[in-house]
N, C-alpha and C. Protein backbone atom coordinates (compact mmCIF):
# COMPACT_ATOMS: atom_id res chain seq x y z
N ASP A 1 30.69 -66.12 7.90
CA ASP A 1 29.77 -65.24 7.17
C ASP A 1 28.43 -65.94 7.02
N GLU A 2 27.35 -65.21 7.38
CA GLU A 2 26.03 -65.84 7.41
C GLU A 2 25.55 -66.25 6.03
N GLY A 3 25.85 -65.41 5.00
CA GLY A 3 25.41 -65.73 3.65
C GLY A 3 26.07 -66.97 3.12
N SER A 4 27.41 -67.09 3.31
CA SER A 4 28.12 -68.25 2.82
C SER A 4 27.74 -69.50 3.58
N LEU A 5 27.43 -69.34 4.87
CA LEU A 5 27.01 -70.48 5.68
C LEU A 5 25.67 -71.00 5.19
N SER A 6 24.74 -70.09 4.91
CA SER A 6 23.42 -70.51 4.44
C SER A 6 23.54 -71.20 3.08
N LEU A 7 24.44 -70.71 2.22
CA LEU A 7 24.65 -71.35 0.92
C LEU A 7 25.21 -72.75 1.09
N LEU A 8 26.15 -72.92 2.01
CA LEU A 8 26.72 -74.23 2.28
C LEU A 8 25.65 -75.19 2.80
N VAL A 9 24.80 -74.68 3.67
CA VAL A 9 23.71 -75.51 4.21
C VAL A 9 22.77 -75.94 3.09
N LEU A 10 22.46 -75.01 2.18
CA LEU A 10 21.58 -75.33 1.05
C LEU A 10 22.19 -76.41 0.17
N LEU A 11 23.50 -76.32 -0.07
CA LEU A 11 24.17 -77.31 -0.90
C LEU A 11 24.13 -78.68 -0.26
N THR A 12 24.36 -78.74 1.03
CA THR A 12 24.35 -80.03 1.73
C THR A 12 22.94 -80.59 1.84
N LYS A 13 21.94 -79.73 1.93
CA LYS A 13 20.56 -80.21 2.05
C LYS A 13 19.98 -80.68 0.71
N GLY A 14 20.67 -80.36 -0.37
CA GLY A 14 20.15 -80.75 -1.67
C GLY A 14 20.26 -82.23 -1.97
N GLY A 15 21.01 -82.95 -1.15
CA GLY A 15 21.13 -84.39 -1.35
C GLY A 15 22.24 -84.75 -2.32
N TYR A 16 22.32 -86.06 -2.61
CA TYR A 16 23.42 -86.55 -3.44
C TYR A 16 23.34 -86.07 -4.88
N MET A 17 22.18 -85.61 -5.33
CA MET A 17 22.06 -85.10 -6.70
C MET A 17 22.80 -83.78 -6.89
N MET A 18 23.17 -83.14 -5.77
CA MET A 18 23.95 -81.90 -5.88
C MET A 18 25.38 -82.19 -6.31
N ILE A 19 25.84 -83.41 -6.10
CA ILE A 19 27.23 -83.76 -6.44
C ILE A 19 27.48 -83.62 -7.94
N PRO A 20 26.66 -84.26 -8.80
CA PRO A 20 26.90 -84.07 -10.24
C PRO A 20 26.71 -82.63 -10.69
N LEU A 21 25.80 -81.90 -10.03
CA LEU A 21 25.59 -80.50 -10.39
C LEU A 21 26.81 -79.65 -10.06
N ILE A 22 27.43 -79.92 -8.92
CA ILE A 22 28.65 -79.21 -8.54
C ILE A 22 29.78 -79.54 -9.51
N ILE A 23 29.87 -80.82 -9.92
CA ILE A 23 30.89 -81.23 -10.88
C ILE A 23 30.68 -80.52 -12.22
N LEU A 24 29.42 -80.44 -12.67
CA LEU A 24 29.11 -79.74 -13.92
C LEU A 24 29.45 -78.26 -13.83
N TRP A 25 29.20 -77.69 -12.66
CA TRP A 25 29.52 -76.28 -12.43
C TRP A 25 31.02 -76.03 -12.56
N ILE A 26 31.82 -76.90 -11.94
CA ILE A 26 33.28 -76.78 -12.02
C ILE A 26 33.77 -76.91 -13.46
N ILE A 27 33.20 -77.89 -14.19
CA ILE A 27 33.58 -78.10 -15.59
C ILE A 27 33.23 -76.86 -16.42
N ALA A 28 32.02 -76.32 -16.21
CA ALA A 28 31.57 -75.16 -16.97
C ALA A 28 32.48 -73.95 -16.73
N VAL A 29 32.84 -73.71 -15.47
CA VAL A 29 33.71 -72.58 -15.14
C VAL A 29 35.09 -72.78 -15.77
N TYR A 30 35.61 -74.01 -15.69
CA TYR A 30 36.93 -74.30 -16.26
C TYR A 30 36.94 -74.08 -17.77
N VAL A 31 35.93 -74.63 -18.46
CA VAL A 31 35.86 -74.50 -19.92
C VAL A 31 35.74 -73.04 -20.32
N PHE A 32 34.92 -72.29 -19.59
CA PHE A 32 34.72 -70.87 -19.92
C PHE A 32 36.03 -70.09 -19.80
N ILE A 33 36.72 -70.26 -18.69
CA ILE A 33 37.98 -69.53 -18.47
C ILE A 33 39.04 -69.96 -19.50
N GLU A 34 39.14 -71.28 -19.73
CA GLU A 34 40.14 -71.79 -20.67
C GLU A 34 39.89 -71.28 -22.08
N ARG A 35 38.63 -71.27 -22.50
CA ARG A 35 38.29 -70.82 -23.86
C ARG A 35 38.49 -69.30 -24.00
N ILE A 36 38.18 -68.56 -22.95
CA ILE A 36 38.37 -67.11 -22.97
C ILE A 36 39.84 -66.78 -23.21
N LEU A 37 40.72 -67.49 -22.50
CA LEU A 37 42.15 -67.25 -22.65
C LEU A 37 42.62 -67.62 -24.06
N VAL A 38 42.11 -68.75 -24.58
CA VAL A 38 42.48 -69.19 -25.94
C VAL A 38 42.03 -68.18 -26.98
N LEU A 39 40.79 -67.72 -26.87
CA LEU A 39 40.24 -66.78 -27.84
C LEU A 39 40.92 -65.41 -27.75
N LYS A 40 41.26 -65.01 -26.53
CA LYS A 40 41.96 -63.74 -26.35
C LYS A 40 43.32 -63.78 -27.05
N HIS A 41 44.00 -64.92 -26.90
CA HIS A 41 45.30 -65.09 -27.54
C HIS A 41 45.16 -65.15 -29.07
N ALA A 42 44.11 -65.85 -29.54
CA ALA A 42 43.91 -66.02 -30.98
C ALA A 42 43.58 -64.72 -31.69
N SER A 43 42.96 -63.79 -30.97
CA SER A 43 42.54 -62.52 -31.58
C SER A 43 43.64 -61.48 -31.59
N LYS A 44 44.76 -61.79 -30.94
CA LYS A 44 45.87 -60.83 -30.88
C LYS A 44 46.77 -60.98 -32.11
N THR A 45 46.78 -59.95 -32.92
CA THR A 45 47.68 -59.92 -34.08
C THR A 45 48.54 -58.67 -33.97
N PRO A 46 49.85 -58.82 -34.06
CA PRO A 46 50.73 -57.66 -33.92
C PRO A 46 50.38 -56.55 -34.90
N GLU A 47 50.59 -55.32 -34.46
CA GLU A 47 50.30 -54.17 -35.31
C GLU A 47 51.21 -54.19 -36.54
N ASN A 48 50.63 -53.85 -37.69
CA ASN A 48 51.36 -53.81 -38.98
C ASN A 48 51.84 -55.20 -39.43
N PHE A 49 51.27 -56.26 -38.84
CA PHE A 49 51.68 -57.62 -39.22
C PHE A 49 51.41 -57.88 -40.70
N GLN A 50 50.18 -57.61 -41.12
CA GLN A 50 49.81 -57.89 -42.51
C GLN A 50 50.54 -56.95 -43.48
N ASN A 51 50.75 -55.70 -43.06
CA ASN A 51 51.51 -54.78 -43.92
C ASN A 51 52.94 -55.27 -44.11
N ASP A 52 53.53 -55.79 -43.04
CA ASP A 52 54.89 -56.32 -43.10
C ASP A 52 54.97 -57.52 -44.05
N ILE A 53 53.96 -58.40 -43.95
CA ILE A 53 53.91 -59.57 -44.82
C ILE A 53 53.76 -59.14 -46.28
N ARG A 54 52.88 -58.17 -46.52
CA ARG A 54 52.64 -57.71 -47.88
C ARG A 54 53.91 -57.13 -48.51
N GLU A 55 54.62 -56.31 -47.73
CA GLU A 55 55.86 -55.70 -48.25
C GLU A 55 56.90 -56.76 -48.60
N LYS A 56 57.01 -57.79 -47.73
CA LYS A 56 58.01 -58.84 -47.99
C LYS A 56 57.62 -59.68 -49.20
N VAL A 57 56.33 -59.94 -49.36
CA VAL A 57 55.86 -60.72 -50.51
C VAL A 57 56.10 -59.95 -51.80
N GLN A 58 55.78 -58.66 -51.76
CA GLN A 58 55.97 -57.84 -52.96
C GLN A 58 57.45 -57.71 -53.32
N ALA A 59 58.32 -57.79 -52.30
CA ALA A 59 59.76 -57.72 -52.54
C ALA A 59 60.34 -59.08 -52.92
N GLY A 60 59.50 -60.11 -52.88
CA GLY A 60 59.96 -61.45 -53.24
C GLY A 60 60.64 -62.20 -52.10
N ALA A 61 60.59 -61.62 -50.89
CA ALA A 61 61.23 -62.25 -49.73
C ALA A 61 60.24 -63.19 -49.04
N ILE A 62 59.91 -64.28 -49.71
CA ILE A 62 58.91 -65.22 -49.20
C ILE A 62 59.37 -65.88 -47.90
N ASN A 63 60.63 -66.29 -47.85
CA ASN A 63 61.15 -66.95 -46.65
C ASN A 63 61.12 -66.03 -45.44
N GLU A 64 61.42 -64.76 -45.66
CA GLU A 64 61.37 -63.80 -44.56
C GLU A 64 59.93 -63.61 -44.08
N ALA A 65 58.99 -63.60 -45.03
CA ALA A 65 57.58 -63.48 -44.67
C ALA A 65 57.11 -64.69 -43.86
N LYS A 66 57.56 -65.89 -44.27
CA LYS A 66 57.21 -67.10 -43.53
C LYS A 66 57.81 -67.07 -42.13
N LEU A 67 59.01 -66.52 -42.02
CA LEU A 67 59.67 -66.43 -40.72
C LEU A 67 58.89 -65.51 -39.78
N VAL A 68 58.39 -64.42 -40.33
CA VAL A 68 57.57 -63.50 -39.53
C VAL A 68 56.31 -64.21 -39.03
N CYS A 69 55.68 -64.99 -39.92
CA CYS A 69 54.46 -65.73 -39.55
C CYS A 69 54.74 -66.77 -38.46
N SER A 70 55.89 -67.44 -38.57
CA SER A 70 56.21 -68.50 -37.61
C SER A 70 56.42 -67.96 -36.20
N LYS A 71 56.75 -66.67 -36.10
CA LYS A 71 56.98 -66.05 -34.79
C LYS A 71 55.68 -65.56 -34.15
N VAL A 72 54.59 -65.58 -34.92
CA VAL A 72 53.29 -65.11 -34.41
C VAL A 72 52.37 -66.31 -34.26
N ASP A 73 52.06 -66.66 -33.04
CA ASP A 73 51.25 -67.85 -32.75
C ASP A 73 49.76 -67.52 -32.73
N THR A 74 49.20 -67.25 -33.91
CA THR A 74 47.77 -66.97 -34.04
C THR A 74 47.22 -67.70 -35.26
N PRO A 75 45.92 -67.95 -35.31
CA PRO A 75 45.33 -68.62 -36.48
C PRO A 75 45.58 -67.86 -37.78
N VAL A 76 45.49 -66.53 -37.73
CA VAL A 76 45.70 -65.72 -38.93
C VAL A 76 47.11 -65.93 -39.47
N ALA A 77 48.10 -65.91 -38.58
CA ALA A 77 49.50 -66.10 -39.00
C ALA A 77 49.71 -67.48 -39.60
N ARG A 78 49.10 -68.48 -39.01
CA ARG A 78 49.27 -69.85 -39.53
C ARG A 78 48.61 -70.01 -40.90
N MET A 79 47.48 -69.34 -41.11
CA MET A 79 46.82 -69.40 -42.42
C MET A 79 47.69 -68.74 -43.49
N ILE A 80 48.23 -67.57 -43.17
CA ILE A 80 49.08 -66.86 -44.14
C ILE A 80 50.35 -67.66 -44.41
N GLU A 81 50.92 -68.25 -43.36
CA GLU A 81 52.14 -69.05 -43.53
C GLU A 81 51.88 -70.24 -44.43
N LYS A 82 50.70 -70.85 -44.29
CA LYS A 82 50.35 -71.99 -45.15
C LYS A 82 50.25 -71.55 -46.60
N GLY A 83 49.67 -70.36 -46.83
CA GLY A 83 49.58 -69.84 -48.19
C GLY A 83 50.94 -69.54 -48.77
N LEU A 84 51.82 -68.99 -47.94
CA LEU A 84 53.18 -68.67 -48.39
C LEU A 84 53.96 -69.93 -48.75
N SER A 85 53.69 -71.02 -48.02
CA SER A 85 54.40 -72.27 -48.30
C SER A 85 53.97 -72.89 -49.63
N ARG A 86 52.85 -72.40 -50.18
CA ARG A 86 52.36 -72.92 -51.45
C ARG A 86 52.69 -72.01 -52.63
N VAL A 87 53.48 -70.98 -52.36
CA VAL A 87 53.85 -70.04 -53.43
C VAL A 87 54.54 -70.79 -54.57
N GLY A 88 54.13 -70.49 -55.80
CA GLY A 88 54.69 -71.17 -56.97
C GLY A 88 53.75 -72.21 -57.53
N LYS A 89 52.75 -72.58 -56.71
CA LYS A 89 51.75 -73.55 -57.17
C LYS A 89 50.53 -72.80 -57.69
N PRO A 90 49.62 -73.49 -58.39
CA PRO A 90 48.41 -72.82 -58.89
C PRO A 90 47.64 -72.14 -57.78
N MET A 91 47.02 -71.00 -58.10
CA MET A 91 46.30 -70.22 -57.09
C MET A 91 45.15 -71.02 -56.46
N LYS A 92 44.60 -71.96 -57.23
CA LYS A 92 43.53 -72.79 -56.69
C LYS A 92 44.05 -73.64 -55.53
N ASP A 93 45.27 -74.19 -55.70
CA ASP A 93 45.87 -75.00 -54.63
C ASP A 93 46.17 -74.15 -53.40
N ILE A 94 46.62 -72.91 -53.64
CA ILE A 94 46.90 -72.00 -52.52
C ILE A 94 45.62 -71.69 -51.75
N ALA A 95 44.55 -71.41 -52.51
CA ALA A 95 43.27 -71.08 -51.88
C ALA A 95 42.74 -72.25 -51.06
N ILE A 96 42.86 -73.47 -51.61
CA ILE A 96 42.39 -74.66 -50.90
C ILE A 96 43.19 -74.90 -49.64
N SER A 97 44.52 -74.72 -49.71
CA SER A 97 45.37 -74.94 -48.54
C SER A 97 45.05 -73.94 -47.43
N ILE A 98 44.81 -72.67 -47.81
CA ILE A 98 44.43 -71.66 -46.82
C ILE A 98 43.09 -72.00 -46.20
N GLU A 99 42.15 -72.46 -47.03
CA GLU A 99 40.81 -72.82 -46.54
C GLU A 99 40.88 -74.01 -45.59
N ASN A 100 41.71 -74.99 -45.91
CA ASN A 100 41.84 -76.18 -45.06
C ASN A 100 42.43 -75.85 -43.70
N ILE A 101 43.49 -75.04 -43.69
CA ILE A 101 44.10 -74.67 -42.41
C ILE A 101 43.13 -73.81 -41.61
N GLY A 102 42.30 -73.02 -42.33
CA GLY A 102 41.29 -72.20 -41.65
C GLY A 102 40.26 -73.07 -40.94
N LYS A 103 39.81 -74.14 -41.61
CA LYS A 103 38.85 -75.06 -41.00
C LYS A 103 39.45 -75.74 -39.76
N LEU A 104 40.73 -76.09 -39.85
CA LEU A 104 41.42 -76.71 -38.72
C LEU A 104 41.51 -75.75 -37.54
N GLU A 105 41.81 -74.50 -37.82
CA GLU A 105 41.91 -73.49 -36.76
C GLU A 105 40.55 -73.23 -36.12
N ILE A 106 39.51 -73.22 -36.94
CA ILE A 106 38.15 -73.01 -36.41
C ILE A 106 37.75 -74.14 -35.48
N SER A 107 38.09 -75.38 -35.86
CA SER A 107 37.77 -76.53 -35.00
C SER A 107 38.50 -76.43 -33.67
N LYS A 108 39.73 -75.88 -33.68
CA LYS A 108 40.47 -75.68 -32.44
C LYS A 108 39.79 -74.63 -31.56
N LEU A 109 39.30 -73.55 -32.20
CA LEU A 109 38.63 -72.48 -31.45
C LEU A 109 37.32 -72.96 -30.83
N GLU A 110 36.62 -73.87 -31.53
CA GLU A 110 35.31 -74.34 -31.06
C GLU A 110 35.41 -75.53 -30.12
N ARG A 111 36.64 -75.97 -29.83
CA ARG A 111 36.84 -77.13 -28.96
C ARG A 111 36.21 -76.87 -27.58
N ARG A 112 35.53 -77.88 -27.06
CA ARG A 112 34.91 -77.88 -25.73
C ARG A 112 33.65 -77.01 -25.63
N LEU A 113 33.31 -76.27 -26.67
CA LEU A 113 32.08 -75.48 -26.60
C LEU A 113 30.85 -76.37 -26.51
N SER A 114 30.93 -77.55 -27.14
CA SER A 114 29.81 -78.49 -27.07
C SER A 114 29.57 -78.96 -25.64
N MET A 115 30.63 -78.97 -24.83
CA MET A 115 30.47 -79.36 -23.42
C MET A 115 29.58 -78.36 -22.68
N LEU A 116 29.78 -77.07 -22.95
CA LEU A 116 28.94 -76.05 -22.32
C LEU A 116 27.49 -76.17 -22.78
N ALA A 117 27.30 -76.44 -24.07
CA ALA A 117 25.95 -76.60 -24.59
C ALA A 117 25.26 -77.80 -23.93
N THR A 118 26.02 -78.89 -23.74
CA THR A 118 25.47 -80.08 -23.10
C THR A 118 25.11 -79.80 -21.64
N ILE A 119 26.02 -79.12 -20.94
CA ILE A 119 25.78 -78.80 -19.53
C ILE A 119 24.54 -77.92 -19.37
N SER A 120 24.37 -76.96 -20.29
CA SER A 120 23.21 -76.06 -20.20
C SER A 120 21.89 -76.81 -20.32
N GLY A 121 21.92 -77.96 -21.00
CA GLY A 121 20.70 -78.76 -21.13
C GLY A 121 20.56 -79.83 -20.06
N VAL A 122 21.69 -80.43 -19.67
CA VAL A 122 21.66 -81.55 -18.72
C VAL A 122 21.44 -81.07 -17.29
N ALA A 123 22.07 -79.96 -16.91
CA ALA A 123 21.99 -79.50 -15.51
C ALA A 123 20.55 -79.28 -15.03
N PRO A 124 19.70 -78.56 -15.77
CA PRO A 124 18.30 -78.40 -15.31
C PRO A 124 17.58 -79.74 -15.19
N MET A 125 17.85 -80.67 -16.11
CA MET A 125 17.18 -81.98 -16.03
C MET A 125 17.62 -82.76 -14.80
N LEU A 126 18.91 -82.67 -14.48
CA LEU A 126 19.40 -83.31 -13.25
C LEU A 126 18.74 -82.68 -12.03
N GLY A 127 18.57 -81.35 -12.08
CA GLY A 127 17.91 -80.66 -10.97
C GLY A 127 16.48 -81.13 -10.79
N PHE A 128 15.75 -81.25 -11.90
CA PHE A 128 14.35 -81.73 -11.82
C PHE A 128 14.30 -83.19 -11.36
N LEU A 129 15.27 -83.99 -11.81
CA LEU A 129 15.32 -85.38 -11.37
C LEU A 129 15.53 -85.45 -9.86
N GLY A 130 16.43 -84.61 -9.36
CA GLY A 130 16.66 -84.56 -7.92
C GLY A 130 15.42 -84.17 -7.15
N THR A 131 14.65 -83.23 -7.71
CA THR A 131 13.40 -82.81 -7.07
C THR A 131 12.38 -83.93 -7.03
N VAL A 132 12.24 -84.63 -8.16
CA VAL A 132 11.29 -85.74 -8.22
C VAL A 132 11.66 -86.83 -7.22
N LEU A 133 12.95 -87.19 -7.20
CA LEU A 133 13.41 -88.21 -6.25
C LEU A 133 13.19 -87.75 -4.81
N GLY A 134 13.43 -86.45 -4.57
CA GLY A 134 13.22 -85.91 -3.24
C GLY A 134 11.75 -85.96 -2.83
N MET A 135 10.86 -85.66 -3.77
CA MET A 135 9.42 -85.70 -3.47
C MET A 135 8.95 -87.14 -3.21
N VAL A 136 9.51 -88.08 -3.96
CA VAL A 136 9.19 -89.49 -3.72
C VAL A 136 9.58 -89.88 -2.30
N LYS A 137 10.75 -89.41 -1.88
CA LYS A 137 11.23 -89.70 -0.53
C LYS A 137 10.32 -89.06 0.52
N VAL A 138 9.85 -87.85 0.24
CA VAL A 138 8.94 -87.16 1.16
C VAL A 138 7.65 -87.94 1.34
N PHE A 139 7.07 -88.40 0.23
CA PHE A 139 5.81 -89.14 0.31
C PHE A 139 6.00 -90.51 0.95
N GLN A 140 7.17 -91.10 0.75
CA GLN A 140 7.46 -92.36 1.42
C GLN A 140 7.49 -92.16 2.94
N ASN A 141 8.13 -91.08 3.37
CA ASN A 141 8.18 -90.78 4.80
C ASN A 141 6.79 -90.48 5.36
N MET A 142 5.98 -89.79 4.55
CA MET A 142 4.61 -89.48 4.98
C MET A 142 3.79 -90.76 5.18
N SER A 143 4.01 -91.72 4.29
CA SER A 143 3.23 -92.96 4.39
C SER A 143 3.61 -93.78 5.62
N LYS A 144 4.82 -93.55 6.13
CA LYS A 144 5.28 -94.29 7.31
C LYS A 144 4.85 -93.62 8.61
N GLU A 145 4.53 -92.31 8.55
CA GLU A 145 4.15 -91.58 9.76
C GLU A 145 2.66 -91.75 10.06
N LYS A 146 2.37 -91.90 11.33
CA LYS A 146 0.97 -92.05 11.74
C LYS A 146 0.29 -90.69 11.87
N THR A 147 1.07 -89.69 12.23
CA THR A 147 0.51 -88.34 12.37
C THR A 147 1.13 -87.43 11.31
N PHE A 148 0.31 -86.60 10.72
CA PHE A 148 0.76 -85.70 9.65
C PHE A 148 1.23 -84.38 10.25
N GLU A 149 2.46 -84.00 9.97
CA GLU A 149 3.00 -82.73 10.44
C GLU A 149 3.46 -81.90 9.25
N ILE A 150 2.93 -80.68 9.13
CA ILE A 150 3.25 -79.82 7.99
C ILE A 150 4.72 -79.41 7.99
N ALA A 151 5.32 -79.34 9.18
CA ALA A 151 6.73 -78.93 9.29
C ALA A 151 7.65 -79.93 8.59
N SER A 152 7.41 -81.21 8.81
CA SER A 152 8.25 -82.24 8.18
C SER A 152 8.04 -82.27 6.68
N LEU A 153 6.79 -82.00 6.24
CA LEU A 153 6.49 -81.98 4.82
C LEU A 153 7.17 -80.81 4.12
N SER A 154 7.08 -79.61 4.70
CA SER A 154 7.67 -78.42 4.09
C SER A 154 9.19 -78.52 4.05
N GLY A 155 9.76 -79.09 5.09
CA GLY A 155 11.22 -79.25 5.12
C GLY A 155 11.69 -80.18 4.02
N GLY A 156 10.98 -81.27 3.82
CA GLY A 156 11.35 -82.22 2.78
C GLY A 156 11.19 -81.64 1.39
N ILE A 157 10.12 -80.86 1.19
CA ILE A 157 9.89 -80.23 -0.11
C ILE A 157 10.98 -79.20 -0.41
N MET A 158 11.38 -78.45 0.62
CA MET A 158 12.43 -77.45 0.42
C MET A 158 13.73 -78.12 -0.03
N GLU A 159 14.07 -79.22 0.63
CA GLU A 159 15.28 -79.95 0.26
C GLU A 159 15.19 -80.47 -1.17
N ALA A 160 13.99 -80.92 -1.56
CA ALA A 160 13.81 -81.44 -2.91
C ALA A 160 13.94 -80.33 -3.96
N MET A 161 13.46 -79.12 -3.62
CA MET A 161 13.47 -78.02 -4.58
C MET A 161 14.86 -77.42 -4.76
N ILE A 162 15.74 -77.65 -3.79
CA ILE A 162 17.09 -77.07 -3.88
C ILE A 162 17.80 -77.57 -5.14
N THR A 163 17.61 -78.83 -5.49
CA THR A 163 18.28 -79.36 -6.69
C THR A 163 17.77 -78.70 -7.96
N THR A 164 16.48 -78.34 -7.98
CA THR A 164 15.95 -77.63 -9.14
C THR A 164 16.61 -76.28 -9.28
N VAL A 165 16.71 -75.56 -8.17
CA VAL A 165 17.36 -74.24 -8.19
C VAL A 165 18.81 -74.38 -8.64
N GLY A 166 19.51 -75.37 -8.07
CA GLY A 166 20.92 -75.60 -8.42
C GLY A 166 21.08 -75.94 -9.89
N GLY A 167 20.22 -76.81 -10.39
CA GLY A 167 20.28 -77.20 -11.80
C GLY A 167 20.01 -76.05 -12.74
N LEU A 168 19.04 -75.20 -12.38
CA LEU A 168 18.72 -74.05 -13.22
C LEU A 168 19.86 -73.03 -13.23
N ILE A 169 20.47 -72.82 -12.06
CA ILE A 169 21.60 -71.87 -11.99
C ILE A 169 22.75 -72.34 -12.86
N VAL A 170 23.13 -73.61 -12.72
CA VAL A 170 24.23 -74.16 -13.52
C VAL A 170 23.89 -74.11 -15.01
N GLY A 171 22.64 -74.49 -15.34
CA GLY A 171 22.22 -74.49 -16.74
C GLY A 171 22.22 -73.11 -17.36
N ILE A 172 21.71 -72.12 -16.62
CA ILE A 172 21.64 -70.75 -17.15
C ILE A 172 23.04 -70.18 -17.34
N VAL A 173 23.91 -70.38 -16.35
CA VAL A 173 25.28 -69.87 -16.46
C VAL A 173 26.00 -70.51 -17.65
N ALA A 174 25.84 -71.84 -17.81
CA ALA A 174 26.48 -72.54 -18.92
C ALA A 174 25.93 -72.05 -20.27
N TYR A 175 24.63 -71.79 -20.32
CA TYR A 175 24.00 -71.32 -21.56
C TYR A 175 24.51 -69.93 -21.95
N VAL A 176 24.58 -69.04 -20.96
CA VAL A 176 25.08 -67.68 -21.21
C VAL A 176 26.56 -67.73 -21.63
N ALA A 177 27.35 -68.55 -20.93
CA ALA A 177 28.77 -68.69 -21.25
C ALA A 177 28.96 -69.23 -22.66
N TYR A 178 28.14 -70.22 -23.04
CA TYR A 178 28.23 -70.82 -24.38
C TYR A 178 27.97 -69.77 -25.46
N ASN A 179 26.90 -69.02 -25.31
CA ASN A 179 26.55 -68.02 -26.33
C ASN A 179 27.58 -66.89 -26.39
N TYR A 180 28.13 -66.53 -25.25
CA TYR A 180 29.17 -65.51 -25.23
C TYR A 180 30.41 -65.98 -25.98
N LEU A 181 30.81 -67.22 -25.73
CA LEU A 181 31.99 -67.77 -26.39
C LEU A 181 31.76 -67.94 -27.90
N VAL A 182 30.55 -68.34 -28.28
CA VAL A 182 30.24 -68.48 -29.70
C VAL A 182 30.39 -67.14 -30.41
N SER A 183 29.92 -66.06 -29.77
CA SER A 183 30.06 -64.73 -30.38
C SER A 183 31.53 -64.34 -30.51
N LYS A 184 32.34 -64.73 -29.52
CA LYS A 184 33.78 -64.44 -29.58
C LYS A 184 34.45 -65.24 -30.70
N VAL A 185 34.05 -66.51 -30.84
CA VAL A 185 34.61 -67.36 -31.90
C VAL A 185 34.26 -66.79 -33.27
N GLU A 186 33.01 -66.34 -33.43
CA GLU A 186 32.57 -65.78 -34.71
C GLU A 186 33.37 -64.52 -35.06
N LYS A 187 33.73 -63.74 -34.05
CA LYS A 187 34.52 -62.54 -34.27
C LYS A 187 35.93 -62.90 -34.77
N VAL A 188 36.53 -63.93 -34.15
CA VAL A 188 37.86 -64.38 -34.57
C VAL A 188 37.80 -64.95 -35.98
N ILE A 189 36.75 -65.73 -36.27
CA ILE A 189 36.58 -66.32 -37.61
C ILE A 189 36.45 -65.21 -38.66
N HIS A 190 35.71 -64.16 -38.32
CA HIS A 190 35.56 -63.02 -39.24
C HIS A 190 36.92 -62.40 -39.55
N ASN A 191 37.75 -62.24 -38.53
CA ASN A 191 39.10 -61.71 -38.74
C ASN A 191 39.95 -62.65 -39.60
N MET A 192 39.77 -63.96 -39.38
CA MET A 192 40.51 -64.95 -40.16
C MET A 192 40.11 -64.89 -41.63
N GLU A 193 38.81 -64.75 -41.88
CA GLU A 193 38.33 -64.69 -43.27
C GLU A 193 38.88 -63.46 -43.98
N GLY A 194 38.90 -62.34 -43.24
CA GLY A 194 39.46 -61.12 -43.82
C GLY A 194 40.93 -61.26 -44.13
N ALA A 195 41.66 -61.88 -43.20
CA ALA A 195 43.11 -62.07 -43.39
C ALA A 195 43.39 -63.02 -44.54
N SER A 196 42.59 -64.08 -44.67
CA SER A 196 42.82 -65.05 -45.75
C SER A 196 42.55 -64.42 -47.11
N THR A 197 41.54 -63.56 -47.17
CA THR A 197 41.24 -62.86 -48.43
C THR A 197 42.38 -61.93 -48.83
N VAL A 198 42.89 -61.19 -47.83
CA VAL A 198 43.99 -60.26 -48.09
C VAL A 198 45.25 -61.00 -48.52
N SER A 199 45.56 -62.09 -47.79
CA SER A 199 46.78 -62.85 -48.11
C SER A 199 46.67 -63.49 -49.49
N TYR A 200 45.50 -64.00 -49.83
CA TYR A 200 45.28 -64.59 -51.16
C TYR A 200 45.50 -63.54 -52.25
N THR A 201 45.01 -62.33 -52.00
CA THR A 201 45.16 -61.22 -52.97
C THR A 201 46.63 -60.88 -53.15
N HIS A 202 47.37 -60.82 -52.03
CA HIS A 202 48.79 -60.49 -52.09
C HIS A 202 49.57 -61.55 -52.88
N LEU A 203 49.27 -62.81 -52.61
CA LEU A 203 50.00 -63.90 -53.27
C LEU A 203 49.69 -63.94 -54.77
N ARG A 204 48.44 -63.64 -55.10
CA ARG A 204 48.04 -63.63 -56.51
C ARG A 204 48.70 -62.49 -57.26
N ALA A 205 48.87 -61.37 -56.51
CA ALA A 205 49.51 -60.21 -57.14
C ALA A 205 51.00 -60.46 -57.35
């Protein structure tokens, strides 16, 4: 395929600075897919889950409610289960325990997001560095040549600019992916806050 061949040629002509950019690209894609799957799983709460918990708590079946939570592998379920495990203690202790497990779950959701933020900033700089190094090489070659040829100059400049394009592409994709994931994390956190408020109300009642 002519398009894929031209892309391969561009990658090879970018020089050795394309290697770290390709590595950053692979890392960014991996982190994005991995986090999407984690967040998708975290946002899934069985239908009538909270209603079931509320009914069991009101009936005094705390152990049954905890068992229901243990079967649901989501941050919301773990927060409610933590609150249920503190039943009988002062409500302040229950609230603190729910808040602590919530912070722990949030840190799990935000894991590796900083890598995307770093890549979005580092990739363009690596691209510009590759361009600068490429231009230095072009001028070094020019100083060694006795006759000036525009063809050799333009070819060298094109190769130098490829790293800038590569760095910007990787950086932009990582930046968009980071902001998208942050919005997804905030949505899950919002659901967690709502669930913790509801569970706290049920336990207090």
